Amino acid sequence: MGLAKTEIFTDKQNEIALFAKVFGHPARVAILQHLFKLNACVCGDLVNEIGLAQPTISQHLKELKHLGLIKGNVEGTSVCYCINIENWIKMKNVMFQFLNQDMTNQHCC
């Protein structure tokens, strides 16, 4: 198996790809939507809300947390998750700049 060779791309290109990856699974989209809907920290009811097994939910939470889109706080024996607003705004700005590019050559293909 070959390497992804991410080092040959710019930091911005890698950042955009990581953000796009996080939206590449509907479970992560559902988790984010649920966190926004509640507008509060969530402690453990994601399994019932999303409908996936706890280890699967945990893996998706790990991906979201790794990118900094959510943050988790330990409360007793559980971890409570919420949107990391500062990083969410940063991600929106990065993706907006990328997605807002316009075609300048209207005579292509």
N, C-alpha and C. Protein backbone atom coordinates (compact mmCIF):
# COMPACT_ATOMS: atom_id res chain seq x y z
N MET A 1 0.84 -1.17 0.00
CA MET A 1 0.00 0.00 0.00
C MET A 1 0.89 1.24 0.00
N GLY A 2 0.57 2.20 -0.85
CA GLY A 2 1.36 3.41 -0.97
C GLY A 2 1.00 4.45 0.08
N LEU A 3 1.88 5.39 0.25
CA LEU A 3 1.64 6.48 1.19
C LEU A 3 0.70 7.52 0.57
N ALA A 4 0.03 8.27 1.41
CA ALA A 4 -0.88 9.30 0.92
C ALA A 4 -0.12 10.50 0.36
N LYS A 5 1.15 10.65 0.76
CA LYS A 5 2.00 11.75 0.29
C LYS A 5 1.39 13.12 0.56
N THR A 6 0.79 13.27 1.71
CA THR A 6 0.18 14.57 2.04
C THR A 6 1.21 15.67 2.15
N GLU A 7 2.47 15.30 2.35
CA GLU A 7 3.51 16.32 2.50
C GLU A 7 3.78 17.08 1.20
N ILE A 8 3.34 16.56 0.07
CA ILE A 8 3.58 17.28 -1.19
C ILE A 8 2.53 18.37 -1.43
N PHE A 9 1.52 18.43 -0.55
CA PHE A 9 0.47 19.43 -0.70
C PHE A 9 0.65 20.53 0.35
N THR A 10 0.05 21.67 0.10
CA THR A 10 0.18 22.79 1.04
C THR A 10 -0.58 22.49 2.32
N ASP A 11 -0.24 23.23 3.36
CA ASP A 11 -0.95 23.09 4.63
C ASP A 11 -2.44 23.37 4.43
N LYS A 12 -2.77 24.37 3.62
CA LYS A 12 -4.16 24.73 3.38
C LYS A 12 -4.90 23.60 2.66
N GLN A 13 -4.25 22.98 1.68
CA GLN A 13 -4.87 21.86 0.96
C GLN A 13 -5.12 20.68 1.90
N ASN A 14 -4.17 20.39 2.76
CA ASN A 14 -4.35 19.31 3.73
C ASN A 14 -5.46 19.64 4.73
N GLU A 15 -5.52 20.90 5.14
CA GLU A 15 -6.56 21.32 6.08
C GLU A 15 -7.95 21.17 5.46
N ILE A 16 -8.11 21.61 4.23
CA ILE A 16 -9.39 21.48 3.53
C ILE A 16 -9.77 20.01 3.39
N ALA A 17 -8.82 19.17 3.05
CA ALA A 17 -9.09 17.74 2.89
C ALA A 17 -9.53 17.11 4.21
N LEU A 18 -8.91 17.51 5.31
CA LEU A 18 -9.30 16.97 6.61
C LEU A 18 -10.72 17.42 6.99
N PHE A 19 -11.03 18.67 6.74
CA PHE A 19 -12.38 19.15 7.02
C PHE A 19 -13.40 18.40 6.15
N ALA A 20 -13.07 18.21 4.88
CA ALA A 20 -13.98 17.50 3.99
C ALA A 20 -14.16 16.05 4.45
N LYS A 21 -13.11 15.45 4.94
CA LYS A 21 -13.19 14.07 5.42
C LYS A 21 -14.17 13.94 6.57
N VAL A 22 -14.16 14.91 7.46
CA VAL A 22 -15.04 14.83 8.63
C VAL A 22 -16.51 14.85 8.22
N PHE A 23 -16.82 15.51 7.11
CA PHE A 23 -18.20 15.55 6.62
C PHE A 23 -18.51 14.38 5.69
N GLY A 24 -17.52 13.53 5.48
CA GLY A 24 -17.67 12.40 4.57
C GLY A 24 -18.42 11.21 5.15
N HIS A 25 -18.83 11.29 6.40
CA HIS A 25 -19.60 10.20 6.99
C HIS A 25 -20.87 10.77 7.62
N PRO A 26 -22.02 10.22 7.28
CA PRO A 26 -23.28 10.76 7.79
C PRO A 26 -23.41 10.72 9.31
N ALA A 27 -22.73 9.78 9.97
CA ALA A 27 -22.79 9.73 11.43
C ALA A 27 -22.17 10.98 12.04
N ARG A 28 -21.04 11.43 11.48
CA ARG A 28 -20.40 12.64 12.01
C ARG A 28 -21.26 13.87 11.75
N VAL A 29 -21.90 13.90 10.59
CA VAL A 29 -22.82 15.00 10.29
C VAL A 29 -23.98 14.98 11.28
N ALA A 30 -24.53 13.80 11.56
CA ALA A 30 -25.65 13.67 12.50
C ALA A 30 -25.23 14.10 13.91
N ILE A 31 -24.02 13.72 14.32
CA ILE A 31 -23.53 14.11 15.64
C ILE A 31 -23.44 15.63 15.74
N LEU A 32 -22.84 16.26 14.73
CA LEU A 32 -22.72 17.71 14.73
C LEU A 32 -24.10 18.38 14.75
N GLN A 33 -25.02 17.88 13.94
CA GLN A 33 -26.37 18.45 13.91
C GLN A 33 -27.04 18.33 15.28
N HIS A 34 -26.86 17.19 15.92
CA HIS A 34 -27.47 16.98 17.23
C HIS A 34 -26.88 17.95 18.27
N LEU A 35 -25.56 18.13 18.23
CA LEU A 35 -24.92 19.04 19.17
C LEU A 35 -25.39 20.47 18.94
N PHE A 36 -25.56 20.87 17.68
CA PHE A 36 -26.06 22.21 17.39
C PHE A 36 -27.52 22.37 17.83
N LYS A 37 -28.31 21.33 17.60
CA LYS A 37 -29.73 21.39 17.95
C LYS A 37 -29.91 21.58 19.46
N LEU A 38 -29.13 20.85 20.24
CA LEU A 38 -29.25 20.96 21.69
C LEU A 38 -28.63 22.23 22.23
N ASN A 39 -27.61 22.73 21.53
CA ASN A 39 -26.90 23.94 21.96
C ASN A 39 -26.43 23.82 23.41
N ALA A 40 -25.97 22.62 23.75
CA ALA A 40 -25.48 22.35 25.11
C ALA A 40 -24.54 21.15 25.03
N CYS A 41 -23.84 20.89 26.10
CA CYS A 41 -22.98 19.71 26.15
C CYS A 41 -23.83 18.46 26.25
N VAL A 42 -23.41 17.42 25.55
CA VAL A 42 -24.12 16.15 25.52
C VAL A 42 -23.28 15.11 26.22
N CYS A 43 -23.90 14.40 27.15
CA CYS A 43 -23.20 13.36 27.91
C CYS A 43 -23.88 12.01 27.70
N GLY A 44 -23.50 11.30 26.66
CA GLY A 44 -23.89 9.91 26.56
C GLY A 44 -25.17 9.55 25.84
N ASP A 45 -26.03 10.46 25.49
CA ASP A 45 -27.27 10.05 24.82
C ASP A 45 -27.13 9.99 23.30
N LEU A 46 -25.91 10.11 22.80
CA LEU A 46 -25.70 10.06 21.35
C LEU A 46 -26.00 8.68 20.77
N VAL A 47 -25.78 7.63 21.53
CA VAL A 47 -26.06 6.28 21.04
C VAL A 47 -27.53 6.14 20.69
N ASN A 48 -28.41 6.60 21.59
CA ASN A 48 -29.85 6.52 21.32
C ASN A 48 -30.25 7.47 20.20
N GLU A 49 -29.65 8.64 20.15
CA GLU A 49 -30.02 9.64 19.15
C GLU A 49 -29.56 9.23 17.74
N ILE A 50 -28.33 8.76 17.62
CA ILE A 50 -27.75 8.44 16.31
C ILE A 50 -28.11 7.04 15.86
N GLY A 51 -28.21 6.11 16.81
CA GLY A 51 -28.60 4.74 16.47
C GLY A 51 -27.45 3.82 16.11
N LEU A 52 -26.25 4.18 16.51
CA LEU A 52 -25.09 3.33 16.28
C LEU A 52 -24.55 2.84 17.61
N ALA A 53 -23.71 1.81 17.56
CA ALA A 53 -23.12 1.25 18.77
C ALA A 53 -22.18 2.26 19.42
N GLN A 54 -22.01 2.13 20.74
CA GLN A 54 -21.15 3.05 21.49
C GLN A 54 -19.73 3.11 20.94
N PRO A 55 -19.08 1.98 20.61
CA PRO A 55 -17.72 2.08 20.06
C PRO A 55 -17.67 2.86 18.74
N THR A 56 -18.70 2.72 17.93
CA THR A 56 -18.75 3.44 16.66
C THR A 56 -18.91 4.94 16.90
N ILE A 57 -19.83 5.29 17.80
CA ILE A 57 -20.02 6.70 18.16
C ILE A 57 -18.72 7.27 18.71
N SER A 58 -18.05 6.52 19.57
CA SER A 58 -16.79 6.98 20.16
C SER A 58 -15.74 7.25 19.10
N GLN A 59 -15.67 6.40 18.09
CA GLN A 59 -14.70 6.61 17.01
C GLN A 59 -15.00 7.88 16.23
N HIS A 60 -16.27 8.13 15.96
CA HIS A 60 -16.65 9.35 15.25
C HIS A 60 -16.39 10.59 16.11
N LEU A 61 -16.67 10.50 17.39
CA LEU A 61 -16.37 11.61 18.30
C LEU A 61 -14.87 11.89 18.34
N LYS A 62 -14.08 10.83 18.31
CA LYS A 62 -12.62 10.98 18.30
C LYS A 62 -12.17 11.75 17.06
N GLU A 63 -12.73 11.43 15.91
CA GLU A 63 -12.38 12.14 14.66
C GLU A 63 -12.77 13.62 14.75
N LEU A 64 -13.96 13.89 15.25
CA LEU A 64 -14.42 15.27 15.37
C LEU A 64 -13.58 16.05 16.37
N LYS A 65 -13.21 15.39 17.44
CA LYS A 65 -12.40 16.05 18.46
C LYS A 65 -10.97 16.26 17.96
N HIS A 66 -10.45 15.29 17.22
CA HIS A 66 -9.09 15.42 16.66
C HIS A 66 -8.97 16.66 15.78
N LEU A 67 -9.99 16.95 15.01
CA LEU A 67 -9.98 18.15 14.17
C LEU A 67 -10.34 19.41 14.94
N GLY A 68 -10.77 19.24 16.17
CA GLY A 68 -11.08 20.40 17.00
C GLY A 68 -12.46 20.98 16.78
N LEU A 69 -13.33 20.27 16.05
CA LEU A 69 -14.67 20.79 15.81
C LEU A 69 -15.57 20.61 17.02
N ILE A 70 -15.23 19.65 17.87
CA ILE A 70 -15.94 19.49 19.13
C ILE A 70 -14.91 19.45 20.25
N LYS A 71 -15.38 19.66 21.46
CA LYS A 71 -14.51 19.52 22.61
C LYS A 71 -15.25 18.68 23.64
N GLY A 72 -14.47 18.02 24.47
CA GLY A 72 -15.06 17.15 25.48
C GLY A 72 -14.56 17.49 26.86
N ASN A 73 -15.47 17.49 27.82
CA ASN A 73 -15.14 17.74 29.21
C ASN A 73 -15.55 16.53 30.04
N VAL A 74 -14.66 16.10 30.93
CA VAL A 74 -14.97 14.98 31.80
C VAL A 74 -15.88 15.47 32.92
N GLU A 75 -17.02 14.80 33.05
CA GLU A 75 -17.96 15.09 34.13
C GLU A 75 -18.32 13.78 34.80
N GLY A 76 -17.75 13.54 35.96
CA GLY A 76 -17.96 12.28 36.65
C GLY A 76 -17.30 11.15 35.89
N THR A 77 -18.11 10.16 35.50
CA THR A 77 -17.56 9.01 34.78
C THR A 77 -17.76 9.10 33.28
N SER A 78 -18.32 10.20 32.80
CA SER A 78 -18.55 10.32 31.36
C SER A 78 -17.90 11.59 30.81
N VAL A 79 -17.82 11.62 29.50
CA VAL A 79 -17.29 12.79 28.80
C VAL A 79 -18.46 13.49 28.12
N CYS A 80 -18.56 14.78 28.33
CA CYS A 80 -19.63 15.57 27.71
C CYS A 80 -19.04 16.35 26.54
N TYR A 81 -19.74 16.31 25.41
CA TYR A 81 -19.24 16.93 24.19
C TYR A 81 -20.10 18.12 23.78
N CYS A 82 -19.43 19.11 23.18
CA CYS A 82 -20.13 20.26 22.61
C CYS A 82 -19.31 20.79 21.43
N ILE A 83 -19.92 21.65 20.65
CA ILE A 83 -19.25 22.27 19.50
C ILE A 83 -18.17 23.22 20.01
N ASN A 84 -17.01 23.16 19.39
CA ASN A 84 -15.94 24.12 19.67
C ASN A 84 -16.17 25.29 18.70
N ILE A 85 -16.87 26.29 19.18
CA ILE A 85 -17.33 27.39 18.32
C ILE A 85 -16.18 28.09 17.61
N GLU A 86 -15.09 28.35 18.31
CA GLU A 86 -13.95 29.04 17.71
C GLU A 86 -13.41 28.26 16.50
N ASN A 87 -13.23 26.95 16.66
CA ASN A 87 -12.73 26.14 15.55
C ASN A 87 -13.78 25.93 14.47
N TRP A 88 -15.05 25.91 14.86
CA TRP A 88 -16.12 25.78 13.87
C TRP A 88 -16.11 27.00 12.94
N ILE A 89 -15.96 28.17 13.51
CA ILE A 89 -15.92 29.41 12.72
C ILE A 89 -14.69 29.40 11.80
N LYS A 90 -13.55 28.96 12.32
CA LYS A 90 -12.34 28.86 11.50
C LYS A 90 -12.57 27.92 10.33
N MET A 91 -13.17 26.74 10.60
CA MET A 91 -13.44 25.77 9.53
C MET A 91 -14.38 26.37 8.50
N LYS A 92 -15.42 27.07 8.94
CA LYS A 92 -16.35 27.68 8.00
C LYS A 92 -15.64 28.68 7.09
N ASN A 93 -14.74 29.47 7.65
CA ASN A 93 -14.01 30.45 6.84
C ASN A 93 -13.11 29.77 5.82
N VAL A 94 -12.40 28.74 6.24
CA VAL A 94 -11.52 28.01 5.33
C VAL A 94 -12.33 27.39 4.19
N MET A 95 -13.42 26.72 4.54
CA MET A 95 -14.23 26.05 3.52
C MET A 95 -14.96 27.06 2.63
N PHE A 96 -15.38 28.18 3.20
CA PHE A 96 -16.03 29.21 2.39
C PHE A 96 -15.09 29.74 1.33
N GLN A 97 -13.84 30.04 1.72
CA GLN A 97 -12.86 30.53 0.75
C GLN A 97 -12.64 29.51 -0.37
N PHE A 98 -12.59 28.25 0.00
CA PHE A 98 -12.37 27.20 -1.00
C PHE A 98 -13.60 27.04 -1.90
N LEU A 99 -14.77 26.96 -1.31
CA LEU A 99 -15.99 26.71 -2.07
C LEU A 99 -16.48 27.93 -2.83
N ASN A 100 -16.01 29.11 -2.47
CA ASN A 100 -16.47 30.33 -3.10
C ASN A 100 -15.62 30.72 -4.31
N GLN A 101 -14.75 29.85 -4.75
CA GLN A 101 -13.95 30.13 -5.95
C GLN A 101 -14.88 30.10 -7.16
N ASP A 102 -14.69 31.01 -8.06
CA ASP A 102 -15.52 31.05 -9.26
C ASP A 102 -14.69 30.68 -10.48
N MET A 103 -15.37 30.10 -11.43
CA MET A 103 -14.71 29.77 -12.70
C MET A 103 -14.45 31.08 -13.46
N THR A 104 -13.20 31.27 -13.88
CA THR A 104 -12.88 32.48 -14.64
C THR A 104 -12.82 32.18 -16.13
N ASN A 105 -12.63 30.92 -16.49
CA ASN A 105 -12.54 30.55 -17.90
C ASN A 105 -13.86 29.89 -18.29
N GLN A 106 -14.78 30.67 -18.83
CA GLN A 106 -16.08 30.16 -19.20
C GLN A 106 -16.07 29.38 -20.50
N HIS A 107 -14.90 29.28 -21.16
CA HIS A 107 -14.82 28.61 -22.45
C HIS A 107 -14.14 27.24 -22.30
N CYS A 108 -14.16 26.70 -21.13
CA CYS A 108 -13.52 25.40 -20.89
C CYS A 108 -14.49 24.28 -21.26
N CYS A 109 -13.99 23.31 -21.97
CA CYS A 109 -14.74 22.09 -22.34
C CYS A 109 -16.17 22.37 -22.70
